[in-house]
Amino acid sequence: MVRVPPLSAAAASSGPRMLTSLYEWFWKDEYWFPPGYSWADTEDSDGVTYPHPRDLLASIPIALVLMVIRFGFERTIAMPLSRALGVRDRLRVKAAPNPVLENFFRTHNKDPKEAQLSHLASQCGLSVRQAQRWFRRRRNQDRPLLSKKFCEACWRFLFYFSSFFGGFLVLYNETWLWELKTCWDKYPFQPLQPAMYWWYLLELAFYISLLLTLPFDVKRKDLKEQIIHHFVTIVLIGFSYSANLLRIGTLVLLLHDISDIFMEACKMFNYAQRRHICDTLFIIFALVFIVTRLIIFPTKILYTTYYDSMIKFQPFFGYYFFNALLMILQVLHVFWSGLILRMVYKFVLAGRMQNDIRSDLEEQNTSDEQSEAPRQKNGRLQSNDKTDTCTLPRARVARGAGPSQLANGHVPAT
């Protein structure tokens, strides 16, 4: 088992006094344990091992390893699998180079209003329809390809599947999996099992890797909620491990992973246009998510952390902090349940699952753009849009309207 040596007294005293004081304040016994217990109670002795906060430092290099494994997995397994299942990326007509439109696209608005389009079109000697077409093509260029979405879903499916069934095997013979009250038996004197340690470490490393790759992953409309979820999960895993709340922490991980398996599998078959399998998986996912996140989580997990834990102990800072993190997760569960129920409603009306309402859908090309796509792919496209040059100098932008005016749609008459 990976062990990081504790901070020695000499090292602590040699550091700045302020950092030493902050270090001692952060690790105060009363923040992490119920009254009457301290860090000294969880020191390893007589062959019995307990969780130690510095064990979690090993999750950082493991997160980097997971990123490398993901990179190789997506290219050697997920991508060929996507082709085998018939995932096809739509041919896209690239927007012709245009400095003025590109600058406006990047700095102001990716979907300009009619007045903005008219002004920009006049600057570049284009019609409004040509400018509108340029922005539509440019927006589509930034949208992820179906193959990228499939590979990302495939990697997450693999991890959640492995994590859930691996974790279930670890906990199958444990009493607290079936009787939640026993999570608090002999707390905090609950020895650390090696299998539980590695499972916890992998979960933490996985969510760290998700945060690190967030700028490169497929961005959905609930991006802010995803960031909050990943951050809260990382803090929750770190705190529960340090405070030896692994029993209840493992149940939270197990409860979350099971619905994510069906969610990622549903995405994969949706991208592959396997409608019947996708619809079946969506129904299973919706049921599992609602049952685990809106019924079992509040009635079992939150109940035992709020009430059962206080039968033997008095409230302390860690009690409030841990439950606050769990409540943030519950709020996110309610938010995502609303999105799922909207999708269920559309599913009932349409008879099949619609596109993920969190996704930024690709805009359809017009008939003339569709005819241009194969020619552009072969390198023989002759653009008729004139969007590669501007007939008016950039100085006119400064004289006619400032960037803020263009961004807000306030375009002066020319």
Protein backbone atom coordinates (compact mmCIF):
# COMPACT_ATOMS: atom_id res chain seq x y z
CA MET A 1 0.00 0.00 0.00
CA VAL A 2 1.24 3.46 -0.90
CA ARG A 3 2.28 5.48 2.14
CA VAL A 4 3.44 9.07 2.19
CA PRO A 5 5.52 9.77 5.33
CA PRO A 6 3.97 12.23 7.78
CA LEU A 7 5.32 15.73 8.15
CA SER A 8 8.14 15.64 10.66
CA ALA A 9 8.33 18.11 13.52
CA ALA A 10 11.61 19.46 12.19
CA ALA A 11 10.11 20.09 8.75
CA ALA A 12 7.10 21.76 10.25
CA SER A 13 9.14 24.04 12.49
CA SER A 14 11.48 25.01 9.67
CA GLY A 15 8.61 26.34 7.55
CA PRO A 16 7.05 29.74 7.87
CA ARG A 17 5.23 30.23 11.13
CA MET A 18 2.01 31.17 9.36
CA LEU A 19 1.96 27.97 7.30
CA THR A 20 2.69 25.91 10.39
CA SER A 21 -0.20 27.55 12.26
CA LEU A 22 -2.50 27.00 9.29
CA TYR A 23 -1.43 23.37 9.09
CA GLU A 24 -2.16 22.77 12.78
CA TRP A 25 -5.50 24.58 12.55
CA PHE A 26 -6.61 22.57 9.50
CA TRP A 27 -5.90 19.21 11.14
CA LYS A 28 -7.47 19.94 14.51
CA ASP A 29 -9.01 16.82 16.03
CA GLU A 30 -12.41 18.40 16.60
CA TYR A 31 -12.82 19.15 12.88
CA TRP A 32 -12.42 15.54 11.80
CA PHE A 33 -13.63 13.35 14.66
CA PRO A 34 -16.45 13.29 17.23
CA PRO A 35 -15.71 14.71 20.69
CA GLY A 36 -13.36 12.47 22.65
CA TYR A 37 -11.43 11.12 19.63
CA SER A 38 -8.26 12.32 17.95
CA TRP A 39 -5.77 11.49 15.20
CA ALA A 40 -3.80 9.49 17.73
CA ASP A 41 -6.67 6.98 17.91
CA THR A 42 -6.25 6.09 14.22
CA GLU A 43 -2.49 5.51 14.25
CA ASP A 44 -1.45 2.12 12.89
CA SER A 45 -0.64 -0.40 15.62
CA ASP A 46 -0.38 -4.16 16.11
CA GLY A 47 -0.77 -4.83 12.40
CA VAL A 48 -4.00 -2.82 12.15
CA THR A 49 -3.98 -0.16 9.40
CA TYR A 50 -6.19 2.93 9.36
CA PRO A 51 -6.73 5.55 6.63
CA HIS A 52 -4.29 8.46 6.60
CA PRO A 53 -4.84 11.68 4.60
CA ARG A 54 -1.48 11.51 2.85
CA ASP A 55 -2.42 8.21 1.27
CA LEU A 56 -4.56 10.23 -1.13
CA LEU A 57 -1.54 11.96 -2.69
CA ALA A 58 -1.05 8.80 -4.70
CA SER A 59 -4.25 9.62 -6.59
CA ILE A 60 -2.49 12.43 -8.51
CA PRO A 61 -0.03 10.23 -10.43
CA ILE A 62 -2.77 7.61 -10.82
CA ALA A 63 -5.01 10.29 -12.40
CA LEU A 64 -2.26 11.03 -14.93
CA VAL A 65 -1.93 7.32 -15.66
CA LEU A 66 -5.69 7.07 -16.19
CA MET A 67 -5.50 9.93 -18.69
CA VAL A 68 -2.81 8.08 -20.65
CA ILE A 69 -4.85 4.86 -20.53
CA ARG A 70 -7.91 6.75 -21.71
CA PHE A 71 -5.99 8.26 -24.60
CA GLY A 72 -4.84 4.84 -25.75
CA PHE A 73 -8.21 3.18 -25.13
CA GLU A 74 -10.16 5.73 -27.16
CA ARG A 75 -7.85 5.39 -30.16
CA THR A 76 -7.17 1.67 -30.17
CA ILE A 77 -10.48 0.27 -28.93
CA ALA A 78 -13.27 2.86 -28.75
CA MET A 79 -12.68 4.39 -32.19
CA PRO A 80 -12.61 1.04 -34.05
CA LEU A 81 -15.66 -0.02 -32.04
CA SER A 82 -17.51 3.13 -33.11
CA ARG A 83 -16.83 2.32 -36.77
CA ALA A 84 -17.92 -1.29 -36.27
CA LEU A 85 -21.22 -0.09 -34.78
CA GLY A 86 -21.76 2.30 -37.67
CA VAL A 87 -21.04 5.64 -36.01
CA ARG A 88 -20.54 8.10 -38.86
CA ASP A 89 -19.44 11.70 -38.56
CA ARG A 90 -21.46 14.09 -40.70
CA LEU A 91 -19.50 15.81 -43.44
CA ARG A 92 -19.07 19.48 -42.61
CA VAL A 93 -18.44 22.40 -44.91
CA LYS A 94 -15.70 24.50 -43.34
CA ALA A 95 -16.20 28.22 -42.99
CA ALA A 96 -13.92 30.09 -45.38
CA PRO A 97 -11.20 32.21 -43.71
CA ASN A 98 -12.55 35.65 -42.82
CA PRO A 99 -10.65 37.74 -40.21
CA VAL A 100 -13.54 40.10 -39.40
CA LEU A 101 -16.17 37.42 -38.94
CA GLU A 102 -13.72 35.18 -37.09
CA ASN A 103 -12.83 37.99 -34.68
CA PHE A 104 -16.49 38.71 -34.02
CA PHE A 105 -17.18 34.98 -33.54
CA ARG A 106 -14.41 34.59 -30.97
CA THR A 107 -14.77 37.83 -29.02
CA HIS A 108 -18.44 38.79 -29.16
CA ASN A 109 -21.16 36.41 -30.27
CA LYS A 110 -21.23 33.03 -32.00
CA ASP A 111 -24.84 33.53 -33.08
CA PRO A 112 -25.25 37.22 -34.00
CA LYS A 113 -28.62 38.91 -34.32
CA GLU A 114 -30.04 40.07 -37.62
CA ALA A 115 -28.81 43.65 -37.19
CA GLN A 116 -25.31 42.44 -36.38
CA LEU A 117 -25.34 40.09 -39.35
CA SER A 118 -26.39 42.91 -41.66
CA HIS A 119 -23.59 45.17 -40.46
CA LEU A 120 -20.95 42.43 -40.64
CA ALA A 121 -22.13 41.37 -44.09
CA SER A 122 -21.85 44.93 -45.41
CA GLN A 123 -18.29 45.16 -44.09
CA CYS A 124 -17.24 42.02 -45.94
CA GLY A 125 -19.22 42.57 -49.13
CA LEU A 126 -21.52 39.63 -48.44
CA SER A 127 -25.23 39.12 -48.38
CA VAL A 128 -26.92 38.56 -45.03
CA ARG A 129 -27.60 34.97 -46.03
CA GLN A 130 -23.92 34.37 -46.78
CA ALA A 131 -22.89 35.81 -43.41
CA GLN A 132 -25.53 33.72 -41.67
CA ARG A 133 -24.25 30.64 -43.47
CA TRP A 134 -20.66 31.42 -42.43
CA PHE A 135 -21.61 31.59 -38.75
CA ARG A 136 -23.62 28.37 -39.01
CA ARG A 137 -20.65 26.56 -40.55
CA ARG A 138 -18.28 28.06 -37.99
CA ARG A 139 -20.46 26.97 -35.07
CA ASN A 140 -20.61 23.45 -36.45
CA GLN A 141 -16.82 23.34 -36.69
CA ASP A 142 -16.56 23.79 -32.92
CA ARG A 143 -19.09 21.09 -32.13
CA PRO A 144 -17.64 17.68 -31.27
CA LEU A 145 -17.96 14.87 -33.76
CA LEU A 146 -20.16 11.86 -33.02
CA SER A 147 -17.08 9.64 -32.94
CA LYS A 148 -15.55 11.82 -30.20
CA LYS A 149 -18.79 11.65 -28.19
CA PHE A 150 -18.88 7.87 -28.62
CA CYS A 151 -15.27 7.41 -27.49
CA GLU A 152 -15.82 9.56 -24.42
CA ALA A 153 -18.98 7.66 -23.46
CA CYS A 154 -17.21 4.34 -24.09
CA TRP A 155 -14.37 5.23 -21.70
CA ARG A 156 -16.74 6.33 -18.95
CA PHE A 157 -18.87 3.23 -19.45
CA LEU A 158 -15.79 1.05 -19.01
CA PHE A 159 -14.78 2.81 -15.79
CA TYR A 160 -18.25 2.91 -14.20
CA PHE A 161 -18.88 -0.73 -15.12
CA SER A 162 -15.55 -1.86 -13.65
CA SER A 163 -15.88 0.38 -10.60
CA PHE A 164 -19.42 -0.71 -9.74
CA PHE A 165 -18.91 -4.46 -10.06
CA GLY A 166 -15.44 -4.29 -8.52
CA GLY A 167 -16.81 -2.27 -5.61
CA PHE A 168 -19.79 -4.59 -5.22
CA LEU A 169 -17.46 -7.58 -4.92
CA VAL A 170 -15.46 -5.71 -2.28
CA LEU A 171 -18.57 -4.94 -0.21
CA TYR A 172 -20.65 -8.05 -0.89
CA ASN A 173 -19.73 -9.76 2.37
CA GLU A 174 -19.74 -6.58 4.45
CA THR A 175 -22.61 -6.09 6.86
CA TRP A 176 -22.97 -2.34 6.19
CA LEU A 177 -23.91 -2.97 2.55
CA TRP A 178 -27.15 -4.56 3.73
CA GLU A 179 -27.61 -2.89 7.13
CA LEU A 180 -26.61 0.77 6.98
CA LYS A 181 -26.69 1.30 10.74
CA THR A 182 -23.56 -0.83 11.06
CA CYS A 183 -21.61 1.85 9.20
CA TRP A 184 -21.14 3.48 12.60
CA ASP A 185 -20.19 0.43 14.63
CA LYS A 186 -16.87 0.98 16.47
CA TYR A 187 -16.29 4.25 14.61
CA PRO A 188 -13.60 5.58 14.21
CA PHE A 189 -11.83 2.30 14.98
CA GLN A 190 -12.56 0.73 11.61
CA PRO A 191 -9.48 -0.82 9.99
CA LEU A 192 -8.69 -0.08 6.34
CA GLN A 193 -8.98 -2.96 3.88
CA PRO A 194 -6.45 -2.93 0.99
CA ALA A 195 -9.16 -3.59 -1.63
CA MET A 196 -11.25 -0.72 -0.31
CA TYR A 197 -8.21 1.53 -0.32
CA TRP A 198 -7.45 0.90 -4.01
CA TRP A 199 -11.09 1.25 -5.02
CA TYR A 200 -11.34 4.60 -3.23
CA LEU A 201 -8.05 5.73 -4.73
CA LEU A 202 -9.15 4.86 -8.27
CA GLU A 203 -12.46 6.69 -7.85
CA LEU A 204 -10.67 9.80 -6.61
CA ALA A 205 -8.12 9.62 -9.43
CA PHE A 206 -10.89 9.18 -12.00
CA TYR A 207 -12.73 12.34 -10.92
CA ILE A 208 -9.48 14.27 -10.79
CA SER A 209 -8.80 13.18 -14.36
CA LEU A 210 -12.30 14.31 -15.38
CA LEU A 211 -11.58 17.78 -14.01
CA LEU A 212 -8.22 17.92 -15.78
CA THR A 213 -9.70 16.88 -19.14
CA LEU A 214 -12.84 19.01 -18.81
CA PRO A 215 -11.55 21.70 -21.26
CA PHE A 216 -11.08 19.01 -23.93
CA ASP A 217 -14.17 16.88 -23.30
CA VAL A 218 -17.58 17.30 -24.90
CA LYS A 219 -19.19 20.37 -23.37
CA ARG A 220 -22.88 20.14 -22.54
CA LYS A 221 -25.40 22.68 -21.34
CA ASP A 222 -25.02 21.50 -17.74
CA LEU A 223 -21.28 22.18 -17.72
CA LYS A 224 -21.45 24.27 -14.53
CA GLU A 225 -23.37 21.53 -12.74
CA GLN A 226 -20.79 18.96 -13.90
CA ILE A 227 -17.94 21.06 -12.52
CA ILE A 228 -19.74 21.41 -9.18
CA HIS A 229 -20.44 17.68 -9.11
CA HIS A 230 -16.83 16.70 -9.85
CA PHE A 231 -15.43 19.16 -7.31
CA VAL A 232 -17.87 18.12 -4.57
CA THR A 233 -17.18 14.45 -5.29
CA ILE A 234 -13.42 14.95 -4.99
CA VAL A 235 -13.80 16.84 -1.69
CA LEU A 236 -16.28 14.25 -0.43
CA ILE A 237 -13.98 11.34 -1.24
CA GLY A 238 -10.99 13.11 0.30
CA PHE A 239 -12.79 14.10 3.48
CA SER A 240 -14.53 10.76 4.01
CA TYR A 241 -11.25 8.90 3.59
CA SER A 242 -9.34 11.20 5.96
CA ALA A 243 -12.07 11.02 8.62
CA ASN A 244 -12.38 7.24 8.18
CA LEU A 245 -15.95 7.49 6.87
CA LEU A 246 -15.18 4.89 4.24
CA ARG A 247 -18.16 2.68 4.95
CA ILE A 248 -20.78 5.26 4.11
CA GLY A 249 -18.50 6.70 1.42
CA THR A 250 -18.31 3.38 -0.43
CA LEU A 251 -22.10 3.12 -0.42
CA VAL A 252 -22.38 6.58 -1.97
CA LEU A 253 -19.93 5.60 -4.72
CA LEU A 254 -21.73 2.33 -5.40
CA LEU A 255 -25.12 4.05 -5.58
CA HIS A 256 -23.89 6.62 -8.10
CA ASP A 257 -21.95 4.30 -10.39
CA ILE A 258 -24.83 1.96 -11.20
CA SER A 259 -26.99 4.53 -12.99
CA ASP A 260 -23.99 6.00 -14.82
CA ILE A 261 -23.37 2.61 -16.45
CA PHE A 262 -26.75 2.72 -18.20
CA MET A 263 -26.40 6.40 -19.04
CA GLU A 264 -23.11 5.96 -20.90
CA ALA A 265 -24.29 2.78 -22.63
CA CYS A 266 -27.43 4.61 -23.76
CA LYS A 267 -25.30 7.39 -25.25
CA MET A 268 -23.12 4.92 -27.13
CA PHE A 269 -26.05 3.18 -28.82
CA ASN A 270 -27.72 6.52 -29.50
CA TYR A 271 -24.65 7.72 -31.41
CA ALA A 272 -24.62 4.38 -33.26
CA GLN A 273 -28.28 4.85 -34.27
CA ARG A 274 -29.31 1.58 -32.58
CA ARG A 275 -32.71 2.91 -31.62
CA HIS A 276 -34.30 -0.13 -30.00
CA ILE A 277 -31.31 -0.84 -27.76
CA CYS A 278 -30.97 2.86 -26.96
CA ASP A 279 -34.65 3.20 -26.03
CA THR A 280 -34.48 0.15 -23.76
CA LEU A 281 -31.35 1.40 -22.03
CA PHE A 282 -32.88 4.85 -21.60
CA ILE A 283 -35.93 3.41 -19.83
CA ILE A 284 -33.69 1.36 -17.54
CA PHE A 285 -31.43 4.35 -16.89
CA ALA A 286 -34.35 6.65 -16.02
CA LEU A 287 -35.81 4.11 -13.59
CA VAL A 288 -32.47 3.33 -11.94
CA PHE A 289 -31.55 7.02 -11.65
CA ILE A 290 -34.86 8.02 -10.07
CA VAL A 291 -34.87 5.08 -7.67
CA THR A 292 -31.23 5.41 -6.56
CA ARG A 293 -30.88 9.21 -6.53
CA LEU A 294 -34.36 10.36 -5.41
CA ILE A 295 -35.49 7.45 -3.24
CA ILE A 296 -32.63 5.35 -1.88
CA PHE A 297 -30.11 8.17 -1.50
CA PRO A 298 -32.27 10.48 0.67
CA THR A 299 -34.15 7.77 2.59
CA LYS A 300 -31.15 5.53 3.28
CA ILE A 301 -27.87 7.39 2.87
CA LEU A 302 -28.91 10.82 4.09
CA TYR A 303 -31.03 9.33 6.85
CA THR A 304 -28.19 7.26 8.30
CA THR A 305 -25.67 10.13 8.06
CA TYR A 306 -28.06 12.61 9.69
CA TYR A 307 -29.68 10.43 12.36
CA ASP A 308 -28.08 7.01 12.82
CA SER A 309 -24.61 8.53 13.10
CA MET A 310 -25.72 10.69 16.02
CA ILE A 311 -27.05 7.83 18.14
CA LYS A 312 -23.56 7.26 19.55
CA PHE A 313 -21.92 10.63 18.88
CA GLN A 314 -22.58 14.30 19.31
CA PRO A 315 -22.54 16.66 16.29
CA PHE A 316 -19.15 18.05 15.29
CA PHE A 317 -17.75 20.02 12.36
CA GLY A 318 -17.13 16.94 10.21
CA TYR A 319 -20.75 15.86 10.69
CA TYR A 320 -22.08 19.15 9.31
CA PHE A 321 -19.49 19.38 6.54
CA PHE A 322 -19.99 15.82 5.31
CA ASN A 323 -23.77 16.14 5.27
CA ALA A 324 -23.58 19.51 3.53
CA LEU A 325 -21.61 17.90 0.69
CA LEU A 326 -24.16 15.11 0.45
CA MET A 327 -26.97 17.66 0.30
CA ILE A 328 -25.25 19.45 -2.60
CA LEU A 329 -25.21 16.12 -4.43
CA GLN A 330 -28.91 15.69 -3.68
CA VAL A 331 -29.70 19.11 -5.14
CA LEU A 332 -27.83 18.09 -8.31
CA HIS A 333 -29.82 14.84 -8.33
CA VAL A 334 -33.06 16.82 -8.34
CA PHE A 335 -31.77 19.06 -11.13
CA TRP A 336 -30.75 16.15 -13.36
CA SER A 337 -33.94 14.27 -12.52
CA GLY A 338 -35.87 17.20 -13.95
CA LEU A 339 -33.92 16.93 -17.21
CA ILE A 340 -34.48 13.17 -17.32
CA LEU A 341 -38.21 13.52 -16.72
CA ARG A 342 -38.39 16.02 -19.58
CA MET A 343 -36.69 13.46 -21.80
CA VAL A 344 -39.12 10.78 -20.57
CA TYR A 345 -42.03 13.06 -21.47
CA LYS A 346 -40.64 13.55 -24.98
CA PHE A 347 -39.98 9.81 -25.18
CA VAL A 348 -43.62 9.05 -24.43
CA LEU A 349 -44.83 11.57 -27.02
CA ALA A 350 -42.41 10.53 -29.77
CA GLY A 351 -42.29 6.81 -29.03
CA ARG A 352 -38.48 6.82 -28.93
CA MET A 353 -35.68 8.64 -27.15
CA GLN A 354 -34.88 12.08 -28.48
CA ASN A 355 -31.45 13.68 -28.42
CA ASP A 356 -29.92 14.48 -25.05
CA ILE A 357 -31.37 17.89 -24.13
CA ARG A 358 -28.00 18.76 -22.55
CA SER A 359 -26.25 18.44 -25.90
CA ASP A 360 -25.47 21.24 -28.31
CA LEU A 361 -27.02 19.85 -31.50
CA GLU A 362 -25.34 20.28 -34.84
CA GLU A 363 -27.17 22.65 -37.17
CA GLN A 364 -28.35 21.17 -40.45
CA ASN A 365 -26.73 22.26 -43.68
CA THR A 366 -28.81 23.76 -46.45
CA SER A 367 -29.18 21.85 -49.73
CA ASP A 368 -26.39 23.78 -51.43
CA GLU A 369 -24.05 23.20 -48.49
CA GLN A 370 -24.75 19.48 -48.60
CA SER A 371 -23.73 19.40 -52.25
CA GLU A 372 -20.55 21.32 -51.40
CA ALA A 373 -19.45 18.98 -48.61
CA PRO A 374 -18.24 16.07 -50.77
CA ARG A 375 -16.36 18.47 -53.07
CA GLN A 376 -14.68 20.17 -50.12
CA LYS A 377 -13.67 16.80 -48.71
CA ASN A 378 -11.91 16.02 -52.00
CA GLY A 379 -10.21 19.40 -51.98
CA ARG A 380 -12.05 20.73 -55.05
CA LEU A 381 -14.41 23.22 -53.43
CA GLN A 382 -14.63 26.57 -55.15
CA SER A 383 -16.31 28.91 -52.69
CA ASN A 384 -19.01 31.22 -54.03
CA ASP A 385 -19.52 32.98 -50.74
CA LYS A 386 -16.66 35.48 -51.08
CA THR A 387 -16.08 35.03 -47.35
CA ASP A 388 -12.34 34.70 -47.72
CA THR A 389 -11.84 38.41 -48.26
CA CYS A 390 -13.34 41.64 -47.05
CA THR A 391 -14.03 44.47 -49.40
CA LEU A 392 -14.00 47.07 -46.65
CA PRO A 393 -11.07 47.84 -44.34
CA ARG A 394 -11.17 46.96 -40.66
CA ALA A 395 -10.95 50.64 -39.80
CA ARG A 396 -14.59 50.92 -40.68
CA VAL A 397 -15.46 48.75 -37.70
CA ALA A 398 -13.81 51.20 -35.38
CA ARG A 399 -15.40 54.23 -37.04
CA GLY A 400 -18.84 52.74 -37.48
CA ALA A 401 -19.36 50.77 -34.31
CA GLY A 402 -17.27 49.66 -31.36
CA PRO A 403 -16.98 46.03 -30.29
CA SER A 404 -19.46 46.47 -27.44
CA GLN A 405 -22.03 47.94 -29.83
CA LEU A 406 -21.63 45.08 -32.26
CA ALA A 407 -21.85 42.52 -29.47
CA ASN A 408 -25.08 44.05 -28.15
CA GLY A 409 -26.66 44.52 -31.54
CA HIS A 410 -26.46 48.35 -31.52
CA VAL A 411 -25.29 48.96 -35.06
CA PRO A 412 -25.33 52.58 -36.27
CA ALA A 413 -26.78 53.43 -39.67
CA THR A 414 -24.20 53.61 -42.48
